[in-house]
């Protein structure tokens, strides 16, 4: 009894026990990995991809704090601290670029429920043939490349030969130069994206809806619930975890708008609404060769996305306990 009390009060004994527990945990996890090594081999290509393509390039973030020169490399370039960030914040176009990015991001975020609503409505249709036709028609645009999509937009919205303008003039309206007016840029950008990505979003939510037990719907029908009641009280709560996760990911990627699409849609007439952070970084970094300045702007954009991701994830975890972590 006295020996046990002396051991428990001895700091050296406590340290020894902690080390022993630590090594026992390592041995336990090592044995677990060795037992299921086939699964870890399958996971290895994915881990290598993220390590090489996502984490190793983070070494280059130091360019944002240096006056980077290719001839001197990362280590030999002069350290300038927050100079490039201050330059961007003091730029005459800073608020215009940031405002365009924010408004376009919020506009896109406002269309998030459309895929959810369409999936819920399509799930209530009894005809499987009609379901497959709708899914095929809505999913097909997802495979159109961005360059082809923008080319289609220029053709459809052309003031001379565009289908939309021909319809407007046939109804007695005036021709609209959609790509020549800055006020139309956000609407064209967002709703063309909705048309292209609607099918992909619907597939995800329809897959989640298949996991809901049919017995719940049968019991609701017996109790006299109509389709609207079943959507509201069964389908929507059933896919809410999936909706929450995708919403968190969307907000976490809020400021990463489609660079290619925005750049291809830009012209001197709509640039006041079309210039966003991604296109500005491209012009200053790759075109202008200002690598440090462009890296600072990109890092600023990533920090905002990271902050939004943490905030929305925390709110979701407190509200419905469905979150990324």
Protein backbone atom coordinates (compact mmCIF):
# COMPACT_ATOMS: atom_id res chain seq x y z
CA UNK A 1 0.00 0.00 0.00
CA UNK A 2 2.78 2.44 0.97
CA UNK A 3 4.75 1.44 -2.12
CA UNK A 4 1.79 2.31 -4.37
CA UNK A 5 1.34 5.68 -2.63
CA UNK A 6 5.04 6.46 -3.02
CA UNK A 7 4.92 5.58 -6.71
CA UNK A 8 1.86 7.74 -7.34
CA UNK A 9 3.49 10.72 -5.64
CA UNK A 10 6.83 10.29 -7.45
CA UNK A 11 7.07 12.67 -10.48
CA UNK A 12 9.56 10.39 -12.19
CA UNK A 13 7.18 7.45 -11.93
CA UNK A 14 4.33 9.51 -13.43
CA UNK A 15 6.56 10.57 -16.33
CA UNK A 16 7.57 6.97 -16.93
CA UNK A 17 3.92 5.85 -17.01
CA UNK A 18 2.99 8.62 -19.45
CA UNK A 19 5.80 7.59 -21.79
CA UNK A 20 4.75 3.96 -21.51
CA UNK A 21 1.15 4.87 -22.34
CA UNK A 22 2.31 6.97 -25.30
CA UNK A 23 4.39 4.16 -26.79
CA UNK A 24 1.57 1.67 -26.18
CA UNK A 25 -0.78 3.92 -28.20
CA UNK A 26 1.77 4.14 -31.02
CA UNK A 27 2.16 0.35 -31.01
CA UNK A 28 -1.63 -0.10 -31.03
CA UNK A 29 -2.09 2.18 -34.07
CA UNK A 30 0.88 0.60 -35.85
CA UNK A 31 -0.63 -2.86 -35.40
CA UNK A 32 -3.97 -1.51 -36.64
CA UNK A 33 -2.34 -0.09 -39.79
CA UNK A 34 -0.37 -3.30 -40.36
CA UNK A 35 -3.56 -5.35 -40.06
CA UNK A 36 -5.40 -3.24 -42.67
CA UNK A 37 -2.44 -2.32 -44.90
CA UNK A 38 -4.42 -2.99 -48.11
CA UNK A 39 -6.82 -0.14 -47.32
CA UNK A 40 -3.94 2.25 -46.66
CA UNK A 41 -2.30 1.29 -49.96
CA UNK A 42 -5.55 2.24 -51.72
CA UNK A 43 -5.54 5.54 -49.83
CA UNK A 44 -1.90 6.29 -50.65
CA UNK A 45 -2.41 7.83 -54.15
CA UNK A 46 -4.94 10.30 -52.74
CA UNK A 47 -2.63 11.23 -49.88
CA UNK A 48 0.27 11.73 -52.30
CA UNK A 49 -1.91 13.88 -54.56
CA UNK A 50 -2.88 16.25 -51.74
CA UNK A 51 0.67 16.28 -50.38
CA UNK A 52 2.31 17.10 -53.72
CA UNK A 53 -0.38 19.29 -55.30
CA UNK A 54 -1.85 21.06 -52.25
CA UNK A 55 0.60 21.15 -49.34
CA UNK A 56 4.05 21.31 -50.95
CA UNK A 57 3.11 24.43 -53.01
CA UNK A 58 2.36 26.23 -49.72
CA UNK A 59 6.13 26.68 -49.46
CA UNK A 60 5.74 29.34 -52.15
CA UNK A 61 3.48 31.50 -49.95
CA UNK A 62 6.60 33.25 -48.69
CA UNK A 63 6.61 35.11 -52.02
CA UNK A 64 3.78 37.24 -50.63
CA UNK A 65 6.21 38.64 -48.03
CA UNK A 66 9.24 39.00 -50.29
CA UNK A 67 10.28 40.94 -53.35
CA UNK A 68 10.55 37.70 -55.28
CA UNK A 69 13.02 37.44 -58.15
CA UNK A 70 13.34 34.27 -60.19
CA UNK A 71 17.12 34.59 -60.40
CA UNK A 72 17.48 34.73 -56.59
CA UNK A 73 14.84 32.14 -55.73
CA UNK A 74 12.74 31.92 -52.56
CA UNK A 75 15.60 32.10 -50.08
CA UNK A 76 17.64 34.80 -51.82
CA UNK A 77 14.81 37.27 -52.46
CA UNK A 78 14.51 40.36 -50.25
CA UNK A 79 12.05 40.21 -47.34
CA UNK A 80 9.57 43.12 -47.50
CA UNK A 81 6.94 42.05 -44.95
CA UNK A 82 3.40 43.34 -45.59
CA UNK A 83 4.41 45.77 -48.34
CA UNK A 84 2.45 43.98 -51.10
CA UNK A 85 -0.68 43.70 -48.94
CA UNK A 86 -0.55 47.42 -48.19
CA UNK A 87 -0.07 48.14 -51.87
CA UNK A 88 -3.22 46.18 -52.74
CA UNK A 89 -5.28 47.76 -49.93
CA UNK A 90 -4.21 51.25 -51.03
CA UNK A 91 -4.86 50.57 -54.72
CA UNK A 92 -7.47 52.80 -56.34
CA UNK A 93 -9.37 49.76 -57.64
CA UNK A 94 -9.27 47.80 -54.34
CA UNK A 95 -12.85 48.49 -53.25
CA UNK A 96 -14.19 48.02 -56.77
CA UNK A 97 -12.48 44.62 -57.17
CA UNK A 98 -13.44 43.49 -53.66
CA UNK A 99 -17.02 44.72 -54.11
CA UNK A 100 -17.39 42.91 -57.44
CA UNK A 101 -16.10 39.70 -55.87
CA UNK A 102 -18.39 39.98 -52.84
CA UNK A 103 -21.54 40.81 -54.79
CA UNK A 104 -20.92 38.10 -57.38
CA UNK A 105 -20.20 35.56 -54.63
CA UNK A 106 -23.37 36.44 -52.71
CA UNK A 107 -25.40 36.33 -55.92
CA UNK A 108 -24.12 32.82 -56.60
CA UNK A 109 -24.76 31.78 -53.00
CA UNK A 110 -28.38 32.96 -53.29
CA UNK A 111 -28.96 30.35 -56.02
CA UNK A 112 -27.78 27.50 -53.75
CA UNK A 113 -31.35 26.33 -52.81
CA UNK A 114 -32.38 25.85 -56.46
CA UNK A 115 -30.74 22.42 -56.80
CA UNK A 116 -32.29 21.33 -53.48
CA UNK A 117 -35.78 22.42 -54.54
CA UNK A 118 -35.49 20.78 -57.96
CA UNK A 119 -34.30 17.51 -56.43
CA UNK A 120 -37.17 17.49 -53.93
CA UNK A 121 -39.73 18.14 -56.66
CA UNK A 122 -38.24 15.59 -59.06
CA UNK A 123 -38.21 12.96 -56.32
CA UNK A 124 -42.00 13.24 -56.01
CA UNK A 125 -42.64 12.39 -59.67
CA UNK A 126 -43.92 8.83 -60.09
CA UNK A 127 -42.78 8.30 -63.70
CA UNK A 128 -39.23 6.92 -63.73
CA UNK A 129 -38.94 7.55 -67.46
CA UNK A 130 -39.71 11.25 -67.04
CA UNK A 131 -37.23 11.42 -64.15
CA UNK A 132 -34.45 9.99 -66.30
CA UNK A 133 -35.21 12.43 -69.12
CA UNK A 134 -35.11 15.44 -66.77
CA UNK A 135 -31.90 14.22 -65.13
CA UNK A 136 -30.22 13.71 -68.50
CA UNK A 137 -31.28 17.11 -69.84
CA UNK A 138 -30.18 18.97 -66.72
CA UNK A 139 -26.97 16.99 -66.21
CA UNK A 140 -25.68 17.24 -69.80
CA UNK A 141 -24.56 20.94 -69.58
CA UNK A 142 -22.18 20.01 -66.76
CA UNK A 143 -19.85 18.42 -69.34
CA UNK A 144 -19.63 21.56 -71.49
CA UNK A 145 -16.25 23.25 -71.15
CA UNK A 146 -16.09 26.84 -69.93
CA UNK A 147 -14.75 28.12 -73.25
CA UNK A 148 -17.59 26.51 -75.19
CA UNK A 149 -20.14 27.78 -72.66
CA UNK A 150 -18.98 31.38 -72.99
CA UNK A 151 -18.97 31.02 -76.78
CA UNK A 152 -22.58 29.84 -76.62
CA UNK A 153 -23.47 32.83 -74.47
CA UNK A 154 -21.94 35.23 -77.00
CA UNK A 155 -23.96 33.57 -79.79
CA UNK A 156 -27.28 33.47 -77.92
CA UNK A 157 -26.94 37.03 -76.58
CA UNK A 158 -25.53 38.65 -79.71
CA UNK A 159 -27.28 41.99 -80.45
CA UNK A 160 -27.51 41.20 -84.19
CA UNK A 161 -28.07 37.47 -84.56
CA UNK A 162 -28.64 36.27 -81.00
CA UNK A 163 -31.72 34.17 -80.31
CA UNK A 164 -32.60 36.13 -77.16
CA UNK A 165 -32.48 39.52 -78.90
CA UNK A 166 -34.49 38.22 -81.83
CA UNK A 167 -37.16 37.12 -79.39
CA UNK A 168 -37.08 40.52 -77.66
CA UNK A 169 -37.45 42.43 -80.92
CA UNK A 170 -40.24 40.07 -82.04
CA UNK A 171 -42.15 41.01 -78.89
CA UNK A 172 -41.67 44.71 -79.64
CA UNK A 173 -38.68 45.40 -77.38
CA UNK A 174 -35.34 47.05 -78.10
CA UNK A 175 -32.14 45.15 -78.75
CA UNK A 176 -29.93 44.73 -75.67
CA UNK A 177 -26.14 44.48 -75.88
CA UNK A 178 -25.83 42.11 -72.91
CA UNK A 179 -22.03 41.89 -72.95
CA UNK A 180 -21.67 45.61 -73.48
CA UNK A 181 -23.54 46.66 -70.33
CA UNK A 182 -21.84 46.09 -66.98
CA UNK A 183 -25.19 45.72 -65.19
CA UNK A 184 -25.86 42.44 -67.04
CA UNK A 185 -22.54 40.75 -66.24
CA UNK A 186 -23.48 39.28 -62.84
CA UNK A 187 -26.84 38.01 -64.03
CA UNK A 188 -25.34 36.28 -67.08
CA UNK A 189 -22.45 34.86 -65.05
CA UNK A 190 -24.60 33.44 -62.25
CA UNK A 191 -27.57 32.06 -64.17
CA UNK A 192 -25.44 30.45 -66.86
CA UNK A 193 -23.66 28.73 -63.97
CA UNK A 194 -26.98 27.59 -62.52
CA UNK A 195 -27.95 26.12 -65.89
CA UNK A 196 -24.60 24.33 -66.20
CA UNK A 197 -24.32 22.95 -62.65
CA UNK A 198 -27.95 22.30 -61.74
CA UNK A 199 -27.86 18.65 -62.83
CA UNK A 200 -24.74 17.90 -60.79
CA UNK A 201 -26.31 19.34 -57.63
CA UNK A 202 -29.53 17.44 -58.22
CA UNK A 203 -27.66 14.12 -58.53
CA UNK A 204 -26.11 14.60 -55.09
CA UNK A 205 -29.43 15.42 -53.40
CA UNK A 206 -31.33 12.69 -55.24
CA UNK A 207 -28.74 10.19 -54.01
CA UNK A 208 -29.32 11.44 -50.46
CA UNK A 209 -33.10 11.13 -50.91
CA UNK A 210 -32.75 7.44 -51.82
CA UNK A 211 -31.41 6.83 -48.32
CA UNK A 212 -34.71 7.87 -46.72
CA UNK A 213 -36.82 4.89 -45.65
CA UNK A 214 -39.99 4.43 -47.79
CA UNK A 215 -41.78 3.34 -44.62
CA UNK A 216 -41.76 6.94 -43.43
CA UNK A 217 -43.65 8.04 -46.53
CA UNK A 218 -46.06 5.12 -46.24
CA UNK A 219 -46.84 6.01 -42.63
CA UNK A 220 -47.29 9.68 -43.58
CA UNK A 221 -49.73 8.75 -46.39
CA UNK A 222 -51.75 6.63 -43.94
CA UNK A 223 -51.90 9.61 -41.59
CA UNK A 224 -53.26 11.76 -44.42
CA UNK A 225 -50.16 13.78 -45.29
CA UNK A 226 -50.03 15.22 -48.80
CA UNK A 227 -46.88 15.54 -50.94
CA UNK A 228 -46.03 18.99 -49.62
CA UNK A 229 -46.21 17.77 -46.03
CA UNK A 230 -44.03 14.76 -46.84
CA UNK A 231 -41.43 16.96 -48.53
CA UNK A 232 -41.32 19.35 -45.60
CA UNK A 233 -41.36 16.84 -42.75
CA UNK A 234 -39.59 13.79 -44.25
CA UNK A 235 -37.51 14.56 -47.36
CA UNK A 236 -36.06 17.90 -46.30
CA UNK A 237 -34.97 16.78 -42.80
CA UNK A 238 -33.61 13.58 -44.35
CA UNK A 239 -31.21 15.40 -46.71
CA UNK A 240 -30.43 18.28 -44.36
CA UNK A 241 -27.04 16.81 -43.28
CA UNK A 242 -26.01 16.66 -46.96
CA UNK A 243 -27.32 20.19 -47.55
CA UNK A 244 -25.39 21.47 -44.52
CA UNK A 245 -22.09 19.92 -45.61
CA UNK A 246 -22.40 21.22 -49.19
CA UNK A 247 -23.42 24.66 -47.93
CA UNK A 248 -20.37 24.80 -45.65
CA UNK A 249 -18.10 23.80 -48.54
CA UNK A 250 -19.76 26.38 -50.80
CA UNK A 251 -19.26 29.19 -48.29
CA UNK A 252 -15.69 28.04 -47.65
CA UNK A 253 -15.06 28.44 -51.38
CA UNK A 254 -17.19 31.57 -51.68
CA UNK A 255 -14.55 33.95 -53.03
CA UNK A 256 -13.05 31.38 -55.43
CA UNK A 257 -15.22 32.30 -58.37
CA UNK A 258 -14.71 30.74 -61.79
CA UNK A 259 -11.64 32.56 -63.10
CA UNK A 260 -11.83 31.19 -66.65
CA UNK A 261 -15.45 32.14 -67.13
CA UNK A 262 -15.08 35.64 -65.68
CA UNK A 263 -11.93 36.28 -67.73
CA UNK A 264 -13.54 35.11 -70.98
CA UNK A 265 -16.64 37.22 -70.36
CA UNK A 266 -14.67 40.39 -69.68
CA UNK A 267 -14.38 43.23 -72.17
CA UNK A 268 -13.64 46.97 -71.88
CA UNK A 269 -17.36 47.77 -71.67
CA UNK A 270 -18.25 45.57 -68.67
CA UNK A 271 -14.90 45.57 -66.85
CA UNK A 272 -16.25 47.76 -64.04
CA UNK A 273 -18.43 44.83 -62.89
CA UNK A 274 -16.38 41.95 -64.27
CA UNK A 275 -13.01 42.56 -62.61
CA UNK A 276 -12.74 40.18 -59.64
CA UNK A 277 -9.85 39.08 -57.44
CA UNK A 278 -9.05 35.98 -59.52
CA UNK A 279 -8.80 37.83 -62.83
CA UNK A 280 -6.81 40.66 -61.23
CA UNK A 281 -4.33 38.15 -59.77
CA UNK A 282 -3.90 36.55 -63.21
CA UNK A 283 -3.27 39.87 -64.91
CA UNK A 284 -0.79 41.08 -62.32
CA UNK A 285 0.93 37.76 -61.67
CA UNK A 286 1.18 35.75 -64.88
CA UNK A 287 0.71 38.54 -67.41
CA UNK A 288 2.47 41.34 -65.55
CA UNK A 289 5.14 39.21 -63.87
CA UNK A 290 4.46 40.71 -60.41
CA UNK A 291 4.62 37.36 -58.63
CA UNK A 292 4.94 38.64 -55.06
CA UNK A 293 2.09 41.14 -55.46
CA UNK A 294 -0.19 38.49 -56.99
CA UNK A 295 0.73 35.98 -54.26
CA UNK A 296 -0.19 38.50 -51.56
CA UNK A 297 -3.60 39.08 -53.14
CA UNK A 298 -4.19 35.34 -53.50
CA UNK A 299 -3.21 34.75 -49.87
CA UNK A 300 -5.59 37.51 -48.77
CA UNK A 301 -8.40 35.81 -50.71
CA UNK A 302 -7.59 32.40 -49.18
CA UNK A 303 -7.55 33.81 -45.64
CA UNK A 304 -11.04 35.25 -46.12
CA UNK A 305 -12.31 31.89 -47.39
CA UNK A 306 -10.72 30.10 -44.44
CA UNK A 307 -12.32 32.49 -41.93
CA UNK A 308 -15.74 32.07 -43.57
CA UNK A 309 -15.34 28.28 -43.52
CA UNK A 310 -14.55 28.22 -39.79
CA UNK A 311 -17.42 30.57 -38.92
CA UNK A 312 -20.07 28.74 -40.97
CA UNK A 313 -18.85 25.34 -39.75
CA UNK A 314 -19.13 26.49 -36.13
CA UNK A 315 -22.64 27.85 -36.68
CA UNK A 316 -23.75 24.63 -38.40
CA UNK A 317 -22.31 22.49 -35.61
CA UNK A 318 -24.22 24.44 -32.99
CA UNK A 319 -27.50 24.51 -34.93
CA UNK A 320 -27.86 20.93 -36.21
CA UNK A 321 -24.62 19.18 -35.18
CA UNK A 322 -23.74 18.49 -38.82
CA UNK A 323 -20.36 19.95 -39.72
CA UNK A 324 -17.01 19.17 -41.29
CA UNK A 325 -15.32 18.86 -37.90
